[in-house]
PDB file of all heavy atoms in Angstrom:
ATOM      1  N   SER A   1     -13.374 -15.356   7.836  1.00  0.00           N
ATOM      2  CA  SER A   1     -11.962 -15.437   8.217  1.00  0.00           C
ATOM      3  C   SER A   1     -11.204 -16.383   7.286  1.00  0.00           C
ATOM      4  O   SER A   1     -10.063 -16.091   6.881  1.00  0.00           O
ATOM      5  CB  SER A   1     -11.850 -15.926   9.666  1.00  0.00           C
ATOM      6  OG  SER A   1     -10.499 -16.099  10.032  1.00  0.00           O
ATOM      7  N   ILE A   2     -11.826 -17.509   6.923  1.00  0.00           N
ATOM      8  CA  ILE A   2     -11.200 -18.437   5.978  1.00  0.00           C
ATOM      9  C   ILE A   2     -11.032 -17.762   4.623  1.00  0.00           C
ATOM     10  O   ILE A   2      -9.986 -17.869   3.979  1.00  0.00           O
ATOM     11  CB  ILE A   2     -12.046 -19.726   5.831  1.00  0.00           C
ATOM     12  CG1 ILE A   2     -12.085 -20.488   7.161  1.00  0.00           C
ATOM     13  CG2 ILE A   2     -11.484 -20.617   4.718  1.00  0.00           C
ATOM     14  CD1 ILE A   2     -13.015 -21.685   7.147  1.00  0.00           C
ATOM     15  N   PHE A   3     -12.062 -17.050   4.193  1.00  0.00           N
ATOM     16  CA  PHE A   3     -12.004 -16.349   2.909  1.00  0.00           C
ATOM     17  C   PHE A   3     -10.855 -15.357   2.881  1.00  0.00           C
ATOM     18  O   PHE A   3     -10.051 -15.339   1.920  1.00  0.00           O
ATOM     19  CB  PHE A   3     -13.324 -15.630   2.645  1.00  0.00           C
ATOM     20  CG  PHE A   3     -13.253 -14.609   1.549  1.00  0.00           C
ATOM     21  CD1 PHE A   3     -13.167 -15.007   0.220  1.00  0.00           C
ATOM     22  CD2 PHE A   3     -13.259 -13.252   1.842  1.00  0.00           C
ATOM     23  CE1 PHE A   3     -13.084 -14.068  -0.809  1.00  0.00           C
ATOM     24  CE2 PHE A   3     -13.183 -12.308   0.832  1.00  0.00           C
ATOM     25  CZ  PHE A   3     -13.096 -12.713  -0.493  1.00  0.00           C
ATOM     26  N   VAL A   4     -10.744 -14.530   3.895  1.00  0.00           N
ATOM     27  CA  VAL A   4      -9.699 -13.502   3.942  1.00  0.00           C
ATOM     28  C   VAL A   4      -8.314 -14.143   3.873  1.00  0.00           C
ATOM     29  O   VAL A   4      -7.425 -13.681   3.139  1.00  0.00           O
ATOM     30  CB  VAL A   4      -9.840 -12.653   5.227  1.00  0.00           C
ATOM     31  CG1 VAL A   4      -8.619 -11.746   5.416  1.00  0.00           C
ATOM     32  CG2 VAL A   4     -11.109 -11.817   5.177  1.00  0.00           C
ATOM     33  N   LYS A   5      -8.131 -15.225   4.612  1.00  0.00           N
ATOM     34  CA  LYS A   5      -6.827 -15.898   4.649  1.00  0.00           C
ATOM     35  C   LYS A   5      -6.489 -16.541   3.307  1.00  0.00           C
ATOM     36  O   LYS A   5      -5.382 -16.370   2.786  1.00  0.00           O
ATOM     37  CB  LYS A   5      -6.833 -16.964   5.748  1.00  0.00           C
ATOM     38  CG  LYS A   5      -5.533 -17.752   5.849  1.00  0.00           C
ATOM     39  CD  LYS A   5      -5.630 -18.823   6.921  1.00  0.00           C
ATOM     40  CE  LYS A   5      -4.344 -19.657   6.965  1.00  0.00           C
ATOM     41  NZ  LYS A   5      -4.450 -20.747   7.964  1.00  0.00           N
ATOM     42  N   GLU A   6      -7.444 -17.258   2.736  1.00  0.00           N
ATOM     43  CA  GLU A   6      -7.163 -18.035   1.521  1.00  0.00           C
ATOM     44  C   GLU A   6      -7.100 -17.162   0.266  1.00  0.00           C
ATOM     45  O   GLU A   6      -6.343 -17.451  -0.655  1.00  0.00           O
ATOM     46  CB  GLU A   6      -8.213 -19.129   1.347  1.00  0.00           C
ATOM     47  CG  GLU A   6      -8.208 -20.175   2.442  1.00  0.00           C
ATOM     48  CD  GLU A   6      -6.886 -20.932   2.530  1.00  0.00           C
ATOM     49  OE1 GLU A   6      -6.294 -21.200   1.462  1.00  0.00           O
ATOM     50  OE2 GLU A   6      -6.451 -21.227   3.651  1.00  0.00           O
ATOM     51  N   ILE A   7      -7.873 -16.094   0.227  1.00  0.00           N
ATOM     52  CA  ILE A   7      -7.868 -15.239  -0.962  1.00  0.00           C
ATOM     53  C   ILE A   7      -6.603 -14.383  -1.007  1.00  0.00           C
ATOM     54  O   ILE A   7      -6.219 -13.897  -2.075  1.00  0.00           O
ATOM     55  CB  ILE A   7      -9.130 -14.340  -0.998  1.00  0.00           C
ATOM     56  CG1 ILE A   7      -9.527 -14.015  -2.454  1.00  0.00           C
ATOM     57  CG2 ILE A   7      -8.927 -13.061  -0.209  1.00  0.00           C
ATOM     58  CD1 ILE A   7     -10.068 -15.174  -3.218  1.00  0.00           C
ATOM     59  N   ALA A   8      -5.946 -14.232   0.156  1.00  0.00           N
ATOM     60  CA  ALA A   8      -4.734 -13.406   0.234  1.00  0.00           C
ATOM     61  C   ALA A   8      -3.462 -14.205  -0.044  1.00  0.00           C
ATOM     62  O   ALA A   8      -2.361 -13.643  -0.027  1.00  0.00           O
ATOM     63  CB  ALA A   8      -4.639 -12.754   1.609  1.00  0.00           C
ATOM     64  N   ARG A   9      -3.609 -15.487  -0.322  1.00  0.00           N
ATOM     65  CA  ARG A   9      -2.435 -16.321  -0.581  1.00  0.00           C
ATOM     66  C   ARG A   9      -1.643 -15.796  -1.781  1.00  0.00           C
ATOM     67  O   ARG A   9      -2.212 -15.337  -2.774  1.00  0.00           O
ATOM     68  CB  ARG A   9      -2.855 -17.768  -0.834  1.00  0.00           C
ATOM     69  CG  ARG A   9      -3.332 -18.478   0.403  1.00  0.00           C
ATOM     70  CD  ARG A   9      -3.849 -19.869   0.075  1.00  0.00           C
ATOM     71  NE  ARG A   9      -2.836 -20.701  -0.543  1.00  0.00           N
ATOM     72  CZ  ARG A   9      -3.032 -21.979  -0.870  1.00  0.00           C
ATOM     73  NH1 ARG A   9      -4.209 -22.548  -0.638  1.00  0.00           N
ATOM     74  NH2 ARG A   9      -2.070 -22.678  -1.432  1.00  0.00           N
ATOM     75  N   LYS A  10      -0.319 -15.913  -1.694  1.00  0.00           N
ATOM     76  CA  LYS A  10       0.545 -15.427  -2.770  1.00  0.00           C
ATOM     77  C   LYS A  10       0.787 -16.502  -3.830  1.00  0.00           C
ATOM     78  O   LYS A  10       1.081 -16.189  -4.984  1.00  0.00           O
ATOM     79  CB  LYS A  10       1.889 -14.964  -2.187  1.00  0.00           C
ATOM     80  CG  LYS A  10       1.774 -13.849  -1.161  1.00  0.00           C
ATOM     81  CD  LYS A  10       1.180 -12.587  -1.777  1.00  0.00           C
ATOM     82  CE  LYS A  10       1.138 -11.459  -0.748  1.00  0.00           C
ATOM     83  NZ  LYS A  10       0.489 -10.236  -1.296  1.00  0.00           N
ATOM     84  N   ASN A  11       0.708 -17.776  -3.415  1.00  0.00           N
ATOM     85  CA  ASN A  11       0.927 -18.853  -4.365  1.00  0.00           C
ATOM     86  C   ASN A  11       0.142 -20.088  -3.946  1.00  0.00           C
ATOM     87  O   ASN A  11      -0.275 -20.209  -2.798  1.00  0.00           O
ATOM     88  CB  ASN A  11       2.421 -19.188  -4.498  1.00  0.00           C
ATOM     89  CG  ASN A  11       3.048 -19.454  -3.142  1.00  0.00           C
ATOM     90  OD1 ASN A  11       2.672 -20.385  -2.444  1.00  0.00           O
ATOM     91  ND2 ASN A  11       4.023 -18.616  -2.762  1.00  0.00           N
ATOM     92  N   ILE A  12      -0.044 -20.974  -4.915  1.00  0.00           N
ATOM     93  CA  ILE A  12      -0.779 -22.216  -4.653  1.00  0.00           C
ATOM     94  C   ILE A  12      -0.023 -23.377  -5.284  1.00  0.00           C
ATOM     95  O   ILE A  12       0.790 -23.189  -6.177  1.00  0.00           O
ATOM     96  CB  ILE A  12      -2.217 -22.171  -5.226  1.00  0.00           C
ATOM     97  CG1 ILE A  12      -2.192 -21.918  -6.746  1.00  0.00           C
ATOM     98  CG2 ILE A  12      -3.062 -21.151  -4.497  1.00  0.00           C
ATOM     99  CD1 ILE A  12      -3.531 -22.099  -7.418  1.00  0.00           C
ATOM    100  N   ASP A  13      -0.306 -24.570  -4.802  1.00  0.00           N
ATOM    101  CA  ASP A  13       0.329 -25.768  -5.315  1.00  0.00           C
ATOM    102  C   ASP A  13      -0.676 -26.607  -6.106  1.00  0.00           C
ATOM    103  O   ASP A  13      -0.441 -26.974  -7.248  1.00  0.00           O
ATOM    104  CB  ASP A  13       0.911 -26.575  -4.149  1.00  0.00           C
ATOM    105  CG  ASP A  13       1.901 -27.633  -4.614  1.00  0.00           C
ATOM    106  OD1 ASP A  13       2.113 -27.747  -5.834  1.00  0.00           O
ATOM    107  OD2 ASP A  13       2.458 -28.342  -3.762  1.00  0.00           O
ATOM    108  N   SER A  14      -1.826 -26.877  -5.494  1.00  0.00           N
ATOM    109  CA  SER A  14      -2.865 -27.680  -6.148  1.00  0.00           C
ATOM    110  C   SER A  14      -3.886 -26.765  -6.820  1.00  0.00           C
ATOM    111  O   SER A  14      -4.688 -26.116  -6.149  1.00  0.00           O
ATOM    112  CB  SER A  14      -3.562 -28.574  -5.118  1.00  0.00           C
ATOM    113  OG  SER A  14      -4.688 -29.183  -5.676  1.00  0.00           O
ATOM    114  N   LYS A  15      -3.856 -26.723  -8.128  1.00  0.00           N
ATOM    115  CA  LYS A  15      -4.716 -25.777  -8.855  1.00  0.00           C
ATOM    116  C   LYS A  15      -6.198 -26.158  -8.786  1.00  0.00           C
ATOM    117  O   LYS A  15      -7.058 -25.318  -8.525  1.00  0.00           O
ATOM    118  CB  LYS A  15      -4.271 -25.675 -10.315  1.00  0.00           C
ATOM    119  CG  LYS A  15      -2.854 -25.154 -10.519  1.00  0.00           C
ATOM    120  CD  LYS A  15      -2.526 -25.068 -11.990  1.00  0.00           C
ATOM    121  CE  LYS A  15      -1.108 -24.584 -12.239  1.00  0.00           C
ATOM    122  NZ  LYS A  15      -0.102 -25.621 -11.863  1.00  0.00           N
ATOM    123  N   LEU A  16      -6.508 -27.417  -9.052  1.00  0.00           N
ATOM    124  CA  LEU A  16      -7.914 -27.829  -9.125  1.00  0.00           C
ATOM    125  C   LEU A  16      -8.633 -27.688  -7.792  1.00  0.00           C
ATOM    126  O   LEU A  16      -9.755 -27.185  -7.723  1.00  0.00           O
ATOM    127  CB  LEU A  16      -8.012 -29.275  -9.616  1.00  0.00           C
ATOM    128  CG  LEU A  16      -7.850 -29.481 -11.115  1.00  0.00           C
ATOM    129  CD1 LEU A  16      -7.859 -30.962 -11.443  1.00  0.00           C
ATOM    130  CD2 LEU A  16      -8.943 -28.769 -11.881  1.00  0.00           C
ATOM    131  N   SER A  17      -8.010 -28.142  -6.717  1.00  0.00           N
ATOM    132  CA  SER A  17      -8.674 -28.047  -5.414  1.00  0.00           C
ATOM    133  C   SER A  17      -8.820 -26.591  -4.979  1.00  0.00           C
ATOM    134  O   SER A  17      -9.788 -26.232  -4.293  1.00  0.00           O
ATOM    135  CB  SER A  17      -7.914 -28.846  -4.353  1.00  0.00           C
ATOM    136  OG  SER A  17      -6.631 -28.292  -4.120  1.00  0.00           O
ATOM    137  N   TYR A  18      -7.875 -25.739  -5.391  1.00  0.00           N
ATOM    138  CA  TYR A  18      -7.991 -24.319  -5.063  1.00  0.00           C
ATOM    139  C   TYR A  18      -9.169 -23.697  -5.809  1.00  0.00           C
ATOM    140  O   TYR A  18      -9.885 -22.852  -5.272  1.00  0.00           O
ATOM    141  CB  TYR A  18      -6.697 -23.585  -5.401  1.00  0.00           C
ATOM    142  CG  TYR A  18      -6.699 -22.125  -4.981  1.00  0.00           C
ATOM    143  CD1 TYR A  18      -6.775 -21.777  -3.643  1.00  0.00           C
ATOM    144  CD2 TYR A  18      -6.641 -21.111  -5.935  1.00  0.00           C
ATOM    145  CE1 TYR A  18      -6.785 -20.439  -3.247  1.00  0.00           C
ATOM    146  CE2 TYR A  18      -6.651 -19.773  -5.548  1.00  0.00           C
ATOM    147  CZ  TYR A  18      -6.717 -19.444  -4.208  1.00  0.00           C
ATOM    148  OH  TYR A  18      -6.744 -18.122  -3.822  1.00  0.00           O
ATOM    149  N   ILE A  19      -9.389 -24.133  -7.047  1.00  0.00           N
ATOM    150  CA  ILE A  19     -10.533 -23.648  -7.813  1.00  0.00           C
ATOM    151  C   ILE A  19     -11.845 -24.048  -7.132  1.00  0.00           C
ATOM    152  O   ILE A  19     -12.799 -23.258  -7.073  1.00  0.00           O
ATOM    153  CB  ILE A  19     -10.478 -24.181  -9.259  1.00  0.00           C
ATOM    154  CG1 ILE A  19      -9.421 -23.404 -10.052  1.00  0.00           C
ATOM    155  CG2 ILE A  19     -11.840 -24.073  -9.947  1.00  0.00           C
ATOM    156  CD1 ILE A  19      -9.145 -23.949 -11.434  1.00  0.00           C
ATOM    157  N   LEU A  20     -11.893 -25.257  -6.593  1.00  0.00           N
ATOM    158  CA  LEU A  20     -13.105 -25.694  -5.886  1.00  0.00           C
ATOM    159  C   LEU A  20     -13.328 -24.863  -4.617  1.00  0.00           C
ATOM    160  O   LEU A  20     -14.465 -24.556  -4.255  1.00  0.00           O
ATOM    161  CB  LEU A  20     -13.009 -27.180  -5.532  1.00  0.00           C
ATOM    162  CG  LEU A  20     -13.006 -28.125  -6.731  1.00  0.00           C
ATOM    163  CD1 LEU A  20     -12.868 -29.579  -6.272  1.00  0.00           C
ATOM    164  CD2 LEU A  20     -14.267 -27.975  -7.556  1.00  0.00           C
ATOM    165  N   LEU A  21     -12.238 -24.485  -3.955  1.00  0.00           N
ATOM    166  CA  LEU A  21     -12.357 -23.602  -2.788  1.00  0.00           C
ATOM    167  C   LEU A  21     -12.845 -22.224  -3.217  1.00  0.00           C
ATOM    168  O   LEU A  21     -13.738 -21.634  -2.575  1.00  0.00           O
ATOM    169  CB  LEU A  21     -11.011 -23.497  -2.073  1.00  0.00           C
ATOM    170  CG  LEU A  21     -10.939 -22.555  -0.863  1.00  0.00           C
ATOM    171  CD1 LEU A  21     -11.962 -22.946   0.199  1.00  0.00           C
ATOM    172  CD2 LEU A  21      -9.533 -22.546  -0.270  1.00  0.00           C
ATOM    173  N   LEU A  22     -12.302 -21.705  -4.308  1.00  0.00           N
ATOM    174  CA  LEU A  22     -12.763 -20.413  -4.831  1.00  0.00           C
ATOM    175  C   LEU A  22     -14.242 -20.460  -5.196  1.00  0.00           C
ATOM    176  O   LEU A  22     -14.978 -19.488  -4.999  1.00  0.00           O
ATOM    177  CB  LEU A  22     -11.945 -20.013  -6.066  1.00  0.00           C
ATOM    178  CG  LEU A  22     -10.493 -19.594  -5.844  1.00  0.00           C
ATOM    179  CD1 LEU A  22      -9.814 -19.355  -7.187  1.00  0.00           C
ATOM    180  CD2 LEU A  22     -10.397 -18.345  -4.973  1.00  0.00           C
ATOM    181  N   SER A  23     -14.688 -21.598  -5.715  1.00  0.00           N
ATOM    182  CA  SER A  23     -16.097 -21.716  -6.097  1.00  0.00           C
ATOM    183  C   SER A  23     -17.007 -21.657  -4.883  1.00  0.00           C
ATOM    184  O   SER A  23     -18.133 -21.165  -4.959  1.00  0.00           O
ATOM    185  CB  SER A  23     -16.343 -23.005  -6.888  1.00  0.00           C
ATOM    186  OG  SER A  23     -16.353 -24.142  -6.062  1.00  0.00           O
ATOM    187  N   GLU A  24     -16.507 -22.144  -3.733  1.00  0.00           N
ATOM    188  CA  GLU A  24     -17.276 -22.010  -2.487  1.00  0.00           C
ATOM    189  C   GLU A  24     -17.425 -20.536  -2.114  1.00  0.00           C
ATOM    190  O   GLU A  24     -18.494 -20.096  -1.688  1.00  0.00           O
ATOM    191  CB  GLU A  24     -16.583 -22.758  -1.347  1.00  0.00           C
ATOM    192  CG  GLU A  24     -16.641 -24.258  -1.443  1.00  0.00           C
ATOM    193  CD  GLU A  24     -18.042 -24.803  -1.318  1.00  0.00           C
ATOM    194  OE1 GLU A  24     -18.916 -24.115  -0.769  1.00  0.00           O
ATOM    195  OE2 GLU A  24     -18.261 -25.928  -1.789  1.00  0.00           O
ATOM    196  N   PHE A  25     -16.334 -19.794  -2.275  1.00  0.00           N
ATOM    197  CA  PHE A  25     -16.389 -18.365  -1.969  1.00  0.00           C
ATOM    198  C   PHE A  25     -17.350 -17.644  -2.914  1.00  0.00           C
ATOM    199  O   PHE A  25     -18.113 -16.766  -2.490  1.00  0.00           O
ATOM    200  CB  PHE A  25     -14.991 -17.744  -2.083  1.00  0.00           C
ATOM    201  CG  PHE A  25     -13.994 -18.262  -1.085  1.00  0.00           C
ATOM    202  CD1 PHE A  25     -12.651 -18.408  -1.424  1.00  0.00           C
ATOM    203  CD2 PHE A  25     -14.394 -18.605   0.193  1.00  0.00           C
ATOM    204  CE1 PHE A  25     -11.734 -18.880  -0.503  1.00  0.00           C
ATOM    205  CE2 PHE A  25     -13.474 -19.083   1.130  1.00  0.00           C
ATOM    206  CZ  PHE A  25     -12.144 -19.222   0.769  1.00  0.00           C
ATOM    207  N   TYR A  26     -17.328 -18.028  -4.177  1.00  0.00           N
ATOM    208  CA  TYR A  26     -18.245 -17.414  -5.141  1.00  0.00           C
ATOM    209  C   TYR A  26     -19.695 -17.659  -4.718  1.00  0.00           C
ATOM    210  O   TYR A  26     -20.519 -16.733  -4.734  1.00  0.00           O
ATOM    211  CB  TYR A  26     -18.000 -17.980  -6.537  1.00  0.00           C
ATOM    212  CG  TYR A  26     -18.985 -17.454  -7.562  1.00  0.00           C
ATOM    213  CD1 TYR A  26     -18.747 -16.250  -8.223  1.00  0.00           C
ATOM    214  CD2 TYR A  26     -20.170 -18.141  -7.852  1.00  0.00           C
ATOM    215  CE1 TYR A  26     -19.649 -15.749  -9.148  1.00  0.00           C
ATOM    216  CE2 TYR A  26     -21.080 -17.642  -8.768  1.00  0.00           C
ATOM    217  CZ  TYR A  26     -20.822 -16.459  -9.414  1.00  0.00           C
ATOM    218  OH  TYR A  26     -21.731 -15.961 -10.318  1.00  0.00           O
TER     219      TYR A  26
END
């Protein structure tokens, strides 16, 4: 559920922390 919500985001503010979140999904 977290993956579906966060991967569907249209924009982001903090690039580095978002990359770390994406790495968790990977």
